[in-house]
Amino acid sequence: MKKWEDNKRAHEGVWGKVYEHAQSQIADGKSVLEAWTNTNLYEMQTSALGRDMRKIPYILKDRLYFAAAQEYLDIKLGVLTEALMNRLSSDTDLIVDLGSGWGRNSIYLSHLFGNTYDFLACELSDNGRLCTDHFIDTFDLPITTLPFNYYDNTTLCSHLRESEYQKVVFFSSFSIEQIPTIGKTFFTSLLELPIPEMDFVHLEPVSWQLLNTPKNTSDRYNEDLVEVIQQLESAKLGTIHHMEANHYGHRQEWAASLITWSKTT
């Protein structure tokens, strides 16, 4: 089984290259959206998506489509933004990005929403946080970065415990996928915090868990997220609002389920 240290080592290398590219974009005087878009396209080109940037396959609500890179990026963002906006309200204080990578989602969303919400970008890798910080410092974005580990979220809990936030929305996007078993403790430690309202939005490739079909992701990918959330609801700690298989993703086996739930009050 892949250890969290291995994940950190791998992501330091990947996000280090992305960070270098982002630095060059910002040094060239690009706007926040230009630098962010070009950095996304660079990441896509250096991944499996780069095999054909003119015709990228993707799943949306269990149907197969194809799109060029820019359109694919727009659709991907639209899916996440819509899912989040369904859980946001005028009294939301903070949006927490769990496993924020190089800052892809936090940077875009903070630019989209302006200063409406605070953002907390939680990331395991140093280079991922450095890249996010570079965008924050250059463009004055309302984001705070935080060292983060799904296997020990003490730092996150301490940060939130010291805050005065009343309504927090947490989201993960293709992040918990890399945690073979997340277990209940990660979530119960958050639910025990003195924050009255909490919402959770997950876009994770766990459709096989919802459909009760054989696992179609690699051995190192998550296998208990759905069960854990259902256990939290059974214990009256959480309330499930939506669980939809094959909502969005690059390929069928990695198509993310959309799962939304909240702290039971």
C-alpha atoms as a PDB file:
ATOM      1  CA  MET A   1       0.000   0.000   0.000  1.00  0.00           C
ATOM      2  CA  LYS A   2       1.291   3.440  -0.917  1.00  0.00           C
ATOM      3  CA  LYS A   3       2.216   5.499   2.177  1.00  0.00           C
ATOM      4  CA  TRP A   4       1.525   9.195   2.659  1.00  0.00           C
ATOM      5  CA  GLU A   5       5.270   9.852   2.513  1.00  0.00           C
ATOM      6  CA  ASP A   6       5.270   8.378  -1.009  1.00  0.00           C
ATOM      7  CA  ASN A   7       2.356  10.628  -1.980  1.00  0.00           C
ATOM      8  CA  LYS A   8       4.228  13.660  -0.657  1.00  0.00           C
ATOM      9  CA  ARG A   9       7.404  12.735  -2.522  1.00  0.00           C
ATOM     10  CA  ALA A  10       5.534  12.220  -5.797  1.00  0.00           C
ATOM     11  CA  HIS A  11       3.576  15.446  -5.504  1.00  0.00           C
ATOM     12  CA  GLU A  12       6.643  17.498  -4.614  1.00  0.00           C
ATOM     13  CA  GLY A  13       8.040  16.585  -8.031  1.00  0.00           C
ATOM     14  CA  VAL A  14       4.834  17.153  -9.999  1.00  0.00           C
ATOM     15  CA  TRP A  15       3.838  20.398  -8.294  1.00  0.00           C
ATOM     16  CA  GLY A  16       7.429  21.610  -8.367  1.00  0.00           C
ATOM     17  CA  LYS A  17       7.326  21.653 -12.169  1.00  0.00           C
ATOM     18  CA  VAL A  18       3.900  23.286 -12.160  1.00  0.00           C
ATOM     19  CA  TYR A  19       5.186  25.908  -9.712  1.00  0.00           C
ATOM     20  CA  GLU A  20       8.101  26.731 -12.023  1.00  0.00           C
ATOM     21  CA  HIS A  21       5.696  27.197 -14.911  1.00  0.00           C
ATOM     22  CA  ALA A  22       3.388  29.397 -12.821  1.00  0.00           C
ATOM     23  CA  GLN A  23       6.338  31.544 -11.781  1.00  0.00           C
ATOM     24  CA  SER A  24       7.269  32.103 -15.428  1.00  0.00           C
ATOM     25  CA  GLN A  25       3.696  33.071 -16.291  1.00  0.00           C
ATOM     26  CA  ILE A  26       3.486  35.575 -13.459  1.00  0.00           C
ATOM     27  CA  ALA A  27       6.947  36.959 -14.246  1.00  0.00           C
ATOM     28  CA  ASP A  28       5.744  37.603 -17.806  1.00  0.00           C
ATOM     29  CA  GLY A  29       3.059  39.915 -16.416  1.00  0.00           C
ATOM     30  CA  LYS A  30       0.070  37.674 -16.988  1.00  0.00           C
ATOM     31  CA  SER A  31      -3.144  38.461 -15.126  1.00  0.00           C
ATOM     32  CA  VAL A  32      -4.303  36.060 -12.424  1.00  0.00           C
ATOM     33  CA  LEU A  33      -6.734  34.336 -14.789  1.00  0.00           C
ATOM     34  CA  GLU A  34      -4.209  34.160 -17.642  1.00  0.00           C
ATOM     35  CA  ALA A  35      -1.469  32.766 -15.404  1.00  0.00           C
ATOM     36  CA  TRP A  36      -3.895  30.325 -13.815  1.00  0.00           C
ATOM     37  CA  THR A  37      -5.306  29.145 -17.174  1.00  0.00           C
ATOM     38  CA  ASN A  38      -1.883  28.660 -18.752  1.00  0.00           C
ATOM     39  CA  THR A  39      -0.663  26.778 -15.686  1.00  0.00           C
ATOM     40  CA  ASN A  40      -3.696  24.479 -15.904  1.00  0.00           C
ATOM     41  CA  LEU A  41      -3.056  23.798 -19.578  1.00  0.00           C
ATOM     42  CA  TYR A  42       0.594  23.078 -18.817  1.00  0.00           C
ATOM     43  CA  GLU A  43      -0.437  20.584 -16.122  1.00  0.00           C
ATOM     44  CA  MET A  44      -2.832  18.926 -18.552  1.00  0.00           C
ATOM     45  CA  GLN A  45      -0.179  18.686 -21.274  1.00  0.00           C
ATOM     46  CA  THR A  46       2.232  16.938 -18.924  1.00  0.00           C
ATOM     47  CA  SER A  47      -0.403  14.418 -17.761  1.00  0.00           C
ATOM     48  CA  ALA A  48      -2.324  11.639 -19.504  1.00  0.00           C
ATOM     49  CA  LEU A  49      -4.666  14.323 -20.870  1.00  0.00           C
ATOM     50  CA  GLY A  50      -1.815  15.639 -23.011  1.00  0.00           C
ATOM     51  CA  ARG A  51      -2.043  12.705 -25.391  1.00  0.00           C
ATOM     52  CA  ASP A  52      -4.545  14.637 -27.474  1.00  0.00           C
ATOM     53  CA  MET A  53      -5.429  18.107 -26.198  1.00  0.00           C
ATOM     54  CA  ARG A  54      -7.787  18.599 -29.144  1.00  0.00           C
ATOM     55  CA  LYS A  55     -10.139  15.753 -28.184  1.00  0.00           C
ATOM     56  CA  ILE A  56     -10.190  14.908 -24.498  1.00  0.00           C
ATOM     57  CA  PRO A  57     -12.783  12.325 -23.428  1.00  0.00           C
ATOM     58  CA  TYR A  58     -14.803  12.996 -20.299  1.00  0.00           C
ATOM     59  CA  ILE A  59     -17.829  11.645 -18.450  1.00  0.00           C
ATOM     60  CA  LEU A  60     -20.612  14.018 -17.417  1.00  0.00           C
ATOM     61  CA  LYS A  61     -23.633  12.612 -15.630  1.00  0.00           C
ATOM     62  CA  ASP A  62     -22.848   9.118 -16.893  1.00  0.00           C
ATOM     63  CA  ARG A  63     -22.528  10.150 -20.553  1.00  0.00           C
ATOM     64  CA  LEU A  64     -19.366  10.278 -22.675  1.00  0.00           C
ATOM     65  CA  TYR A  65     -18.324  13.515 -24.402  1.00  0.00           C
ATOM     66  CA  PHE A  66     -15.213  14.952 -26.068  1.00  0.00           C
ATOM     67  CA  ALA A  67     -13.798  18.473 -25.826  1.00  0.00           C
ATOM     68  CA  ALA A  68     -10.679  20.465 -26.665  1.00  0.00           C
ATOM     69  CA  ALA A  69      -8.467  21.423 -23.720  1.00  0.00           C
ATOM     70  CA  GLN A  70      -9.886  24.880 -22.983  1.00  0.00           C
ATOM     71  CA  GLU A  71     -13.491  23.691 -23.194  1.00  0.00           C
ATOM     72  CA  TYR A  72     -12.629  20.677 -21.054  1.00  0.00           C
ATOM     73  CA  LEU A  73     -11.154  22.988 -18.414  1.00  0.00           C
ATOM     74  CA  ASP A  74     -14.242  25.219 -18.469  1.00  0.00           C
ATOM     75  CA  ILE A  75     -16.542  22.216 -18.021  1.00  0.00           C
ATOM     76  CA  LYS A  76     -14.426  20.841 -15.193  1.00  0.00           C
ATOM     77  CA  LEU A  77     -14.596  24.162 -13.368  1.00  0.00           C
ATOM     78  CA  GLY A  78     -18.305  24.472 -14.006  1.00  0.00           C
ATOM     79  CA  VAL A  79     -18.981  21.095 -12.397  1.00  0.00           C
ATOM     80  CA  LEU A  80     -17.083  22.002  -9.221  1.00  0.00           C
ATOM     81  CA  THR A  81     -18.480  25.536  -9.021  1.00  0.00           C
ATOM     82  CA  GLU A  82     -22.074  24.348  -9.393  1.00  0.00           C
ATOM     83  CA  ALA A  83     -21.606  21.650  -6.759  1.00  0.00           C
ATOM     84  CA  LEU A  84     -20.136  24.162  -4.305  1.00  0.00           C
ATOM     85  CA  MET A  85     -22.657  26.920  -4.960  1.00  0.00           C
ATOM     86  CA  ASN A  86     -25.473  24.542  -4.052  1.00  0.00           C
ATOM     87  CA  ARG A  87     -24.039  24.411  -0.516  1.00  0.00           C
ATOM     88  CA  LEU A  88     -22.928  28.049  -0.155  1.00  0.00           C
ATOM     89  CA  SER A  89     -25.043  30.810   1.348  1.00  0.00           C
ATOM     90  CA  SER A  90     -24.660  34.461   2.278  1.00  0.00           C
ATOM     91  CA  ASP A  91     -23.563  33.499   5.793  1.00  0.00           C
ATOM     92  CA  THR A  92     -20.822  31.065   4.729  1.00  0.00           C
ATOM     93  CA  ASP A  93     -17.562  32.219   6.346  1.00  0.00           C
ATOM     94  CA  LEU A  94     -14.943  29.874   4.976  1.00  0.00           C
ATOM     95  CA  ILE A  95     -14.335  27.427   2.119  1.00  0.00           C
ATOM     96  CA  VAL A  96     -11.804  24.681   2.870  1.00  0.00           C
ATOM     97  CA  ASP A  97     -10.030  22.994  -0.052  1.00  0.00           C
ATOM     98  CA  LEU A  98      -8.926  19.552   1.150  1.00  0.00           C
ATOM     99  CA  GLY A  99      -5.872  18.439  -0.801  1.00  0.00           C
ATOM    100  CA  SER A 100      -5.512  21.670  -2.749  1.00  0.00           C
ATOM    101  CA  GLY A 101      -2.516  20.654  -4.881  1.00  0.00           C
ATOM    102  CA  TRP A 102      -0.883  23.653  -6.535  1.00  0.00           C
ATOM    103  CA  GLY A 103      -3.989  25.717  -5.776  1.00  0.00           C
ATOM    104  CA  ARG A 104      -5.916  25.056  -8.965  1.00  0.00           C
ATOM    105  CA  ASN A 105      -9.389  25.217  -7.423  1.00  0.00           C
ATOM    106  CA  SER A 106      -8.797  27.683  -4.576  1.00  0.00           C
ATOM    107  CA  ILE A 107      -7.161  30.224  -6.876  1.00  0.00           C
ATOM    108  CA  TYR A 108      -9.980  30.076  -9.418  1.00  0.00           C
ATOM    109  CA  LEU A 109     -12.790  30.129  -6.843  1.00  0.00           C
ATOM    110  CA  SER A 110     -11.284  32.973  -4.816  1.00  0.00           C
ATOM    111  CA  HIS A 111     -10.914  35.004  -8.008  1.00  0.00           C
ATOM    112  CA  LEU A 112     -14.498  34.125  -8.993  1.00  0.00           C
ATOM    113  CA  PHE A 113     -16.048  35.014  -5.631  1.00  0.00           C
ATOM    114  CA  GLY A 114     -13.755  37.948  -4.830  1.00  0.00           C
ATOM    115  CA  ASN A 115     -13.677  38.701  -1.107  1.00  0.00           C
ATOM    116  CA  THR A 116     -17.047  37.090  -0.401  1.00  0.00           C
ATOM    117  CA  TYR A 117     -15.471  34.120   1.386  1.00  0.00           C
ATOM    118  CA  ASP A 118     -12.187  33.244   3.053  1.00  0.00           C
ATOM    119  CA  PHE A 119     -10.378  30.239   1.615  1.00  0.00           C
ATOM    120  CA  LEU A 120      -8.164  27.695   3.342  1.00  0.00           C
ATOM    121  CA  ALA A 121      -6.012  25.657   0.929  1.00  0.00           C
ATOM    122  CA  CYS A 122      -4.876  22.496   2.721  1.00  0.00           C
ATOM    123  CA  GLU A 123      -2.051  20.651   0.981  1.00  0.00           C
ATOM    124  CA  LEU A 124       0.466  17.932   1.826  1.00  0.00           C
ATOM    125  CA  SER A 125       3.253  19.065  -0.520  1.00  0.00           C
ATOM    126  CA  ASP A 126       5.491  22.063   0.116  1.00  0.00           C
ATOM    127  CA  ASN A 127       5.701  22.904  -3.596  1.00  0.00           C
ATOM    128  CA  GLY A 128       1.924  22.858  -3.927  1.00  0.00           C
ATOM    129  CA  ARG A 129       1.599  25.402  -1.117  1.00  0.00           C
ATOM    130  CA  LEU A 130       4.477  27.495  -2.491  1.00  0.00           C
ATOM    131  CA  CYS A 131       2.717  27.739  -5.846  1.00  0.00           C
ATOM    132  CA  THR A 132      -0.540  28.781  -4.195  1.00  0.00           C
ATOM    133  CA  ASP A 133       1.303  31.297  -2.020  1.00  0.00           C
ATOM    134  CA  HIS A 134       2.917  32.821  -5.093  1.00  0.00           C
ATOM    135  CA  PHE A 135      -0.517  33.506  -6.586  1.00  0.00           C
ATOM    136  CA  ILE A 136      -1.765  34.819  -3.220  1.00  0.00           C
ATOM    137  CA  ASP A 137       1.150  37.207  -2.775  1.00  0.00           C
ATOM    138  CA  THR A 138       1.077  38.439  -6.370  1.00  0.00           C
ATOM    139  CA  PHE A 139      -2.662  38.923  -6.769  1.00  0.00           C
ATOM    140  CA  ASP A 140      -3.763  39.533  -3.155  1.00  0.00           C
ATOM    141  CA  LEU A 141      -6.130  36.563  -3.030  1.00  0.00           C
ATOM    142  CA  PRO A 142      -8.149  35.795   0.161  1.00  0.00           C
ATOM    143  CA  ILE A 143      -6.509  32.390   0.643  1.00  0.00           C
ATOM    144  CA  THR A 144      -4.488  30.960   3.517  1.00  0.00           C
ATOM    145  CA  THR A 145      -2.389  27.852   2.897  1.00  0.00           C
ATOM    146  CA  LEU A 146      -1.974  25.151   5.533  1.00  0.00           C
ATOM    147  CA  PRO A 147       0.207  22.014   5.746  1.00  0.00           C
ATOM    148  CA  PHE A 148      -2.226  19.119   5.637  1.00  0.00           C
ATOM    149  CA  ASN A 149      -2.282  15.344   5.937  1.00  0.00           C
ATOM    150  CA  TYR A 150      -5.427  13.208   5.743  1.00  0.00           C
ATOM    151  CA  TYR A 151      -3.829  10.756   8.185  1.00  0.00           C
ATOM    152  CA  ASP A 152      -3.235  13.436  10.814  1.00  0.00           C
ATOM    153  CA  ASN A 153      -5.453  16.511  10.570  1.00  0.00           C
ATOM    154  CA  THR A 154      -4.351  17.992  13.904  1.00  0.00           C
ATOM    155  CA  THR A 155      -3.026  21.142  12.217  1.00  0.00           C
ATOM    156  CA  LEU A 156      -6.312  21.715  10.399  1.00  0.00           C
ATOM    157  CA  CYS A 157      -8.386  21.134  13.531  1.00  0.00           C
ATOM    158  CA  SER A 158      -6.166  23.475  15.570  1.00  0.00           C
ATOM    159  CA  HIS A 159      -6.449  26.198  12.938  1.00  0.00           C
ATOM    160  CA  LEU A 160     -10.244  25.945  12.830  1.00  0.00           C
ATOM    161  CA  ARG A 161     -10.596  25.683  16.600  1.00  0.00           C
ATOM    162  CA  GLU A 162      -8.829  29.020  17.014  1.00  0.00           C
ATOM    163  CA  SER A 163     -11.129  30.708  14.495  1.00  0.00           C
ATOM    164  CA  GLU A 164     -14.559  32.233  14.981  1.00  0.00           C
ATOM    165  CA  TYR A 165     -16.114  30.751  11.845  1.00  0.00           C
ATOM    166  CA  GLN A 166     -19.789  29.847  12.135  1.00  0.00           C
ATOM    167  CA  LYS A 167     -20.408  28.208   8.750  1.00  0.00           C
ATOM    168  CA  VAL A 168     -17.712  26.322   6.851  1.00  0.00           C
ATOM    169  CA  VAL A 169     -17.900  24.434   3.556  1.00  0.00           C
ATOM    170  CA  PHE A 170     -15.277  21.729   2.983  1.00  0.00           C
ATOM    171  CA  PHE A 171     -14.652  20.266  -0.452  1.00  0.00           C
ATOM    172  CA  SER A 172     -12.412  17.643  -2.001  1.00  0.00           C
ATOM    173  CA  SER A 173     -11.881  17.114  -5.710  1.00  0.00           C
ATOM    174  CA  PHE A 174      -9.967  14.005  -6.772  1.00  0.00           C
ATOM    175  CA  SER A 175      -8.041  14.163  -3.495  1.00  0.00           C
ATOM    176  CA  ILE A 176      -9.505  11.578  -1.108  1.00  0.00           C
ATOM    177  CA  GLU A 177      -9.146   9.192  -4.057  1.00  0.00           C
ATOM    178  CA  GLN A 178      -5.494   8.748  -3.025  1.00  0.00           C
ATOM    179  CA  ILE A 179      -6.354   7.726   0.546  1.00  0.00           C
ATOM    180  CA  PRO A 180      -7.088   3.964   0.514  1.00  0.00           C
ATOM    181  CA  THR A 181      -9.043   4.080   3.786  1.00  0.00           C
ATOM    182  CA  ILE A 182      -9.973   7.449   5.242  1.00  0.00           C
ATOM    183  CA  GLY A 183     -11.943   6.137   8.212  1.00  0.00           C
ATOM    184  CA  LYS A 184     -14.406   8.024  10.416  1.00  0.00           C
ATOM    185  CA  THR A 185     -11.862   9.751  12.681  1.00  0.00           C
ATOM    186  CA  PHE A 186     -10.871  12.285  10.044  1.00  0.00           C
ATOM    187  CA  PHE A 187     -14.458  13.522   9.832  1.00  0.00           C
ATOM    188  CA  THR A 188     -15.494  13.115  13.481  1.00  0.00           C
ATOM    189  CA  SER A 189     -12.537  15.262  14.594  1.00  0.00           C
ATOM    190  CA  LEU A 190     -13.878  18.037  12.347  1.00  0.00           C
ATOM    191  CA  LEU A 191     -17.494  17.555  13.390  1.00  0.00           C
ATOM    192  CA  GLU A 192     -16.499  17.906  17.054  1.00  0.00           C
ATOM    193  CA  LEU A 193     -15.171  21.419  16.475  1.00  0.00           C
ATOM    194  CA  PRO A 194     -17.292  24.313  17.836  1.00  0.00           C
ATOM    195  CA  ILE A 195     -18.446  25.350  14.365  1.00  0.00           C
ATOM    196  CA  PRO A 196     -22.264  25.225  14.241  1.00  0.00           C
ATOM    197  CA  GLU A 197     -22.676  24.614  10.499  1.00  0.00           C
ATOM    198  CA  MET A 198     -20.520  22.446   8.278  1.00  0.00           C
ATOM    199  CA  ASP A 199     -21.131  21.293   4.733  1.00  0.00           C
ATOM    200  CA  PHE A 200     -19.066  18.800   2.740  1.00  0.00           C
ATOM    201  CA  VAL A 201     -18.824  18.466  -1.042  1.00  0.00           C
ATOM    202  CA  HIS A 202     -16.853  15.592  -2.559  1.00  0.00           C
ATOM    203  CA  LEU A 203     -16.027  14.908  -6.197  1.00  0.00           C
ATOM    204  CA  GLU A 204     -14.207  11.611  -5.864  1.00  0.00           C
ATOM    205  CA  PRO A 205     -13.922   8.489  -8.083  1.00  0.00           C
ATOM    206  CA  VAL A 206     -15.874   6.159  -5.817  1.00  0.00           C
ATOM    207  CA  SER A 207     -18.813   5.342  -8.099  1.00  0.00           C
ATOM    208  CA  TRP A 208     -18.195   1.627  -7.704  1.00  0.00           C
ATOM    209  CA  GLN A 209     -18.858   2.047  -3.975  1.00  0.00           C
ATOM    210  CA  LEU A 210     -22.285   3.555  -4.707  1.00  0.00           C
ATOM    211  CA  LEU A 211     -23.174   1.058  -7.423  1.00  0.00           C
ATOM    212  CA  ASN A 212     -21.925  -1.979  -5.452  1.00  0.00           C
ATOM    213  CA  THR A 213     -19.867  -3.142  -8.429  1.00  0.00           C
ATOM    214  CA  PRO A 214     -16.288  -4.464  -8.426  1.00  0.00           C
ATOM    215  CA  LYS A 215     -13.639  -1.848  -7.749  1.00  0.00           C
ATOM    216  CA  ASN A 216     -12.496  -0.312 -11.056  1.00  0.00           C
ATOM    217  CA  THR A 217      -9.783   2.005  -9.743  1.00  0.00           C
ATOM    218  CA  SER A 218      -6.225   1.097  -8.770  1.00  0.00           C
ATOM    219  CA  ASP A 219      -5.475  -0.683  -5.503  1.00  0.00           C
ATOM    220  CA  ARG A 220      -4.097   2.492  -3.905  1.00  0.00           C
ATOM    221  CA  TYR A 221      -7.370   4.393  -4.468  1.00  0.00           C
ATOM    222  CA  ASN A 222     -10.038   4.933  -1.836  1.00  0.00           C
ATOM    223  CA  GLU A 223     -12.372   2.120  -0.889  1.00  0.00           C
ATOM    224  CA  ASP A 224     -14.363   3.363   2.119  1.00  0.00           C
ATOM    225  CA  LEU A 225     -15.538   6.985   1.611  1.00  0.00           C
ATOM    226  CA  VAL A 226     -19.186   6.118   0.917  1.00  0.00           C
ATOM    227  CA  GLU A 227     -19.367   3.653   3.795  1.00  0.00           C
ATOM    228  CA  VAL A 228     -17.821   6.163   6.215  1.00  0.00           C
ATOM    229  CA  ILE A 229     -20.295   8.917   5.299  1.00  0.00           C
ATOM    230  CA  GLN A 230     -23.198   6.477   5.616  1.00  0.00           C
ATOM    231  CA  GLN A 231     -21.907   5.456   9.056  1.00  0.00           C
ATOM    232  CA  LEU A 232     -21.777   9.102  10.113  1.00  0.00           C
ATOM    233  CA  GLU A 233     -25.403   9.514   9.075  1.00  0.00           C
ATOM    234  CA  SER A 234     -26.391   6.340  10.931  1.00  0.00           C
ATOM    235  CA  ALA A 235     -24.702   7.760  14.036  1.00  0.00           C
ATOM    236  CA  LYS A 236     -26.715  10.989  13.546  1.00  0.00           C
ATOM    237  CA  LEU A 237     -23.510  12.976  13.106  1.00  0.00           C
ATOM    238  CA  GLY A 238     -24.115  13.796   9.454  1.00  0.00           C
ATOM    239  CA  THR A 239     -26.973  14.199   7.007  1.00  0.00           C
ATOM    240  CA  ILE A 240     -26.520  13.050   3.409  1.00  0.00           C
ATOM    241  CA  HIS A 241     -28.044  15.332   0.782  1.00  0.00           C
ATOM    242  CA  HIS A 242     -26.887  13.858  -2.500  1.00  0.00           C
ATOM    243  CA  MET A 243     -24.966  10.836  -3.789  1.00  0.00           C
ATOM    244  CA  GLU A 244     -24.614  10.502  -7.552  1.00  0.00           C
ATOM    245  CA  ALA A 245     -22.356   8.010  -9.325  1.00  0.00           C
ATOM    246  CA  ASN A 246     -20.393   8.869 -12.484  1.00  0.00           C
ATOM    247  CA  HIS A 247     -21.065  12.590 -12.177  1.00  0.00           C
ATOM    248  CA  TYR A 248     -17.876  13.811 -13.823  1.00  0.00           C
ATOM    249  CA  GLY A 249     -14.408  12.633 -14.803  1.00  0.00           C
ATOM    250  CA  HIS A 250     -11.800  12.022 -17.458  1.00  0.00           C
ATOM    251  CA  ARG A 251     -12.483   8.308 -17.898  1.00  0.00           C
ATOM    252  CA  GLN A 252     -15.233   5.951 -16.797  1.00  0.00           C
ATOM    253  CA  GLU A 253     -13.125   4.284 -14.088  1.00  0.00           C
ATOM    254  CA  TRP A 254     -12.071   7.668 -12.705  1.00  0.00           C
ATOM    255  CA  ALA A 255     -15.417   9.398 -13.061  1.00  0.00           C
ATOM    256  CA  ALA A 256     -16.154  11.130  -9.783  1.00  0.00           C
ATOM    257  CA  SER A 257     -19.248  10.650  -7.718  1.00  0.00           C
ATOM    258  CA  LEU A 258     -20.838  13.831  -6.395  1.00  0.00           C
ATOM    259  CA  ILE A 259     -21.460  13.496  -2.674  1.00  0.00           C
ATOM    260  CA  THR A 260     -22.815  16.285  -0.473  1.00  0.00           C
ATOM    261  CA  TRP A 261     -23.604  16.044   3.220  1.00  0.00           C
ATOM    262  CA  SER A 262     -23.622  18.243   6.307  1.00  0.00           C
ATOM    263  CA  LYS A 263     -23.087  18.205  10.027  1.00  0.00           C
ATOM    264  CA  THR A 264     -26.248  17.185  11.832  1.00  0.00           C
ATOM    265  CA  THR A 265     -27.375  19.917  14.204  1.00  0.00           C
END
